[in-house]
N, C-alpha and C. Protein backbone atom coordinates (compact mmCIF):
# COMPACT_ATOMS: atom_id res chain seq x y z
N UNK A 1 125.53 94.69 99.09
CA UNK A 1 124.49 95.72 99.18
C UNK A 1 123.59 95.23 100.20
N UNK A 2 123.19 96.05 101.24
CA UNK A 2 122.07 95.73 102.29
C UNK A 2 120.75 95.99 101.75
N UNK A 3 119.72 95.25 102.32
CA UNK A 3 118.13 95.34 101.98
C UNK A 3 117.80 96.94 101.89
N UNK A 4 118.14 97.64 103.15
CA UNK A 4 118.00 99.27 103.01
C UNK A 4 118.35 100.00 101.83
N UNK A 5 119.95 99.54 101.58
CA UNK A 5 120.33 100.31 100.58
C UNK A 5 119.61 100.02 99.09
N UNK A 6 119.48 98.69 99.12
CA UNK A 6 118.79 98.02 97.52
C UNK A 6 117.47 98.73 97.45
N UNK A 7 116.77 98.78 98.56
CA UNK A 7 115.21 99.31 98.74
C UNK A 7 115.26 101.09 98.13
N UNK A 8 116.23 101.51 98.94
CA UNK A 8 116.58 103.03 98.36
C UNK A 8 116.95 103.35 96.94
N UNK A 9 117.78 102.35 96.61
CA UNK A 9 118.21 102.44 95.25
C UNK A 9 117.02 102.10 94.03
N UNK A 10 116.34 101.20 94.55
CA UNK A 10 115.09 101.12 93.82
C UNK A 10 114.29 102.10 93.62
N UNK A 11 113.83 102.86 94.80
CA UNK A 11 113.23 103.91 94.68
C UNK A 11 113.49 105.01 93.83
N UNK A 12 114.61 105.22 94.05
CA UNK A 12 115.63 106.04 93.30
C UNK A 12 115.45 105.87 91.82
N UNK A 13 115.69 104.66 91.57
CA UNK A 13 115.59 104.30 89.92
C UNK A 13 113.99 104.43 89.60
N UNK A 14 113.21 104.02 90.34
CA UNK A 14 111.49 104.28 90.07
C UNK A 14 111.26 105.81 89.79
N UNK A 15 111.82 106.68 90.72
CA UNK A 15 111.81 108.15 90.51
C UNK A 15 112.23 108.76 89.31
N UNK A 16 113.43 108.21 88.80
CA UNK A 16 114.27 108.58 87.84
C UNK A 16 113.36 108.22 86.43
N UNK A 17 112.76 106.87 86.37
CA UNK A 17 111.88 106.25 85.30
C UNK A 17 110.83 107.08 85.15
N UNK A 18 110.12 107.51 86.19
CA UNK A 18 108.86 108.20 86.01
C UNK A 18 109.05 109.59 85.48
N UNK A 19 110.14 110.23 85.99
CA UNK A 19 110.62 111.69 85.40
C UNK A 19 110.75 111.48 83.77
N UNK A 20 111.36 110.50 83.47
CA UNK A 20 111.55 110.29 81.99
C UNK A 20 110.21 110.04 81.11
N UNK A 21 109.43 109.15 81.76
CA UNK A 21 108.07 108.94 81.45
C UNK A 21 107.23 110.26 81.02
N UNK A 22 107.38 111.22 82.17
CA UNK A 22 106.68 112.46 81.90
C UNK A 22 107.32 113.30 80.78
N UNK A 23 108.64 113.13 80.71
CA UNK A 23 109.19 114.04 79.59
C UNK A 23 108.80 113.54 78.28
N UNK A 24 108.82 112.04 78.04
CA UNK A 24 108.53 111.28 76.79
C UNK A 24 107.23 111.57 76.28
N UNK A 25 106.06 111.78 77.30
CA UNK A 25 105.00 111.92 77.01
C UNK A 25 104.40 113.32 76.68
N UNK A 26 105.52 114.30 76.70
CA UNK A 26 105.28 115.57 76.74
C UNK A 26 104.24 116.08 77.63
N UNK A 27 104.15 115.92 78.68
CA UNK A 27 103.11 116.39 79.90
C UNK A 27 103.08 118.07 79.70
N UNK A 28 101.82 118.45 80.41
CA UNK A 28 101.80 119.81 80.34
C UNK A 28 101.47 119.97 81.84
N UNK A 29 102.02 121.03 82.51
CA UNK A 29 101.51 121.30 83.58
C UNK A 29 100.59 122.77 83.85
N UNK A 30 99.51 122.48 84.50
CA UNK A 30 98.58 123.76 84.42
C UNK A 30 98.50 123.77 85.83
N UNK A 31 98.52 125.50 86.07
CA UNK A 31 98.60 126.08 87.27
C UNK A 31 97.73 127.40 87.42
N UNK A 32 97.78 128.02 88.44
CA UNK A 32 97.05 129.25 88.33
C UNK A 32 97.99 130.28 87.53
N UNK A 33 99.20 130.29 87.68
CA UNK A 33 100.11 130.86 87.00
C UNK A 33 100.32 130.90 85.38
N UNK A 34 99.72 129.37 85.20
CA UNK A 34 100.08 128.90 83.71
C UNK A 34 98.64 128.36 83.57
N UNK A 35 97.54 128.85 83.26
CA UNK A 35 96.16 128.26 83.28
C UNK A 35 96.00 127.50 81.84
N UNK A 36 96.74 127.95 80.96
CA UNK A 36 97.03 127.27 79.69
C UNK A 36 97.73 126.16 79.53
N UNK A 37 98.46 125.93 80.54
CA UNK A 37 99.40 125.04 80.38
C UNK A 37 100.97 125.42 80.17
N UNK A 38 101.95 124.80 80.61
CA UNK A 38 103.23 124.82 80.13
C UNK A 38 104.07 123.44 79.96
N UNK A 39 104.82 123.13 78.98
CA UNK A 39 105.37 121.88 79.04
C UNK A 39 106.24 121.77 80.19
N UNK A 40 106.20 120.42 80.53
CA UNK A 40 107.19 120.05 81.59
C UNK A 40 108.52 119.67 80.92
N UNK A 41 109.51 120.24 81.34
CA UNK A 41 110.83 120.23 80.96
C UNK A 41 111.61 119.45 81.91
N UNK A 42 112.81 119.16 81.86
CA UNK A 42 113.81 118.25 82.53
C UNK A 42 113.95 119.37 83.72
N UNK A 43 114.13 120.60 83.31
CA UNK A 43 114.84 121.64 84.67
C UNK A 43 113.41 122.10 85.52
N UNK A 44 112.32 121.35 84.86
CA UNK A 44 110.98 121.80 86.01
C UNK A 44 110.56 120.89 86.96
N UNK A 45 111.77 119.52 86.88
CA UNK A 45 111.34 118.06 87.69
C UNK A 45 112.38 118.44 88.86
N UNK A 46 111.81 118.10 89.91
CA UNK A 46 112.59 117.96 91.09
C UNK A 46 112.04 116.90 91.88
N UNK A 47 113.45 116.06 92.15
CA UNK A 47 112.88 114.82 93.11
C UNK A 47 113.54 114.80 94.46
N UNK A 48 113.37 114.72 95.48
CA UNK A 48 114.07 114.70 96.73
C UNK A 48 113.43 113.68 97.74
N UNK A 49 114.34 113.32 98.94
CA UNK A 49 113.76 112.38 99.80
C UNK A 49 112.86 113.48 101.00
N UNK A 50 111.74 112.81 101.23
CA UNK A 50 111.09 113.84 102.07
C UNK A 50 110.45 113.05 103.23
N UNK A 51 110.82 111.64 103.47
CA UNK A 51 110.07 110.53 104.27
C UNK A 51 111.20 110.74 105.40
N UNK A 52 110.77 110.64 106.51
CA UNK A 52 111.47 110.70 107.94
C UNK A 52 112.59 109.78 107.94
N UNK A 53 112.25 108.50 107.84
CA UNK A 53 113.50 107.73 107.38
C UNK A 53 114.56 107.91 106.66
N UNK A 54 114.22 108.24 105.32
CA UNK A 54 115.31 108.68 104.54
C UNK A 54 116.15 109.32 104.97
N UNK A 55 115.71 110.81 105.45
CA UNK A 55 116.58 111.84 106.04
C UNK A 55 117.05 111.10 107.24
N UNK A 56 116.61 110.47 108.05
CA UNK A 56 117.54 109.67 109.10
C UNK A 56 118.45 108.81 108.75
N UNK A 57 118.20 107.80 107.71
CA UNK A 57 119.33 107.22 106.95
C UNK A 57 120.52 108.19 106.78
N UNK A 58 120.27 109.14 106.12
CA UNK A 58 121.18 110.08 105.56
C UNK A 58 122.21 110.45 106.68
N UNK A 59 121.29 111.07 107.84
CA UNK A 59 121.97 111.42 109.00
C UNK A 59 123.12 110.22 109.37
N UNK A 60 122.44 109.21 109.79
CA UNK A 60 123.42 108.32 110.23
C UNK A 60 124.55 107.56 109.62
N UNK A 61 124.47 107.58 108.15
CA UNK A 61 125.53 107.40 107.22
C UNK A 61 126.74 108.45 107.31
N UNK A 62 126.30 109.66 107.60
CA UNK A 62 127.24 110.69 107.69
C UNK A 62 127.91 110.50 109.18
N UNK A 63 127.59 109.92 110.05
CA UNK A 63 128.25 109.74 111.33
C UNK A 63 129.14 108.63 111.30
N UNK A 64 129.05 107.73 110.15
CA UNK A 64 130.32 106.96 110.40
C UNK A 64 129.52 105.32 110.48
N UNK A 65 128.32 105.32 111.07
CA UNK A 65 127.54 104.10 111.36
C UNK A 65 126.81 103.79 110.01
N UNK A 66 126.65 102.24 110.17
CA UNK A 66 125.69 101.75 109.02
C UNK A 66 124.78 100.75 109.98
N UNK A 67 123.54 100.99 109.74
CA UNK A 67 122.41 100.11 110.35
C UNK A 67 122.49 98.80 110.02
N UNK A 68 122.68 98.56 108.56
CA UNK A 68 122.89 97.04 107.77
C UNK A 68 123.52 96.06 108.43
N UNK A 69 123.09 94.93 108.64
CA UNK A 69 124.07 93.84 109.22
C UNK A 69 124.48 93.02 107.88
N UNK A 70 125.78 92.76 107.78
CA UNK A 70 126.00 91.82 106.67
C UNK A 70 125.79 90.16 106.96
């Protein structure tokens, strides 16, 4: 596994662990639509790649190239 893949996997794992902590702690989301709060449930949690480098890595891998060197 190259360093870039390892870092990406670590970040994904960290996001998943954070989502689990939010669920275990019984977090409540407060907003204009729910001023009294709504329990955070798994179906209300979304995690995605938003950083330009992450999107670029995904595009490069689809093209059959791999930027990591063994």
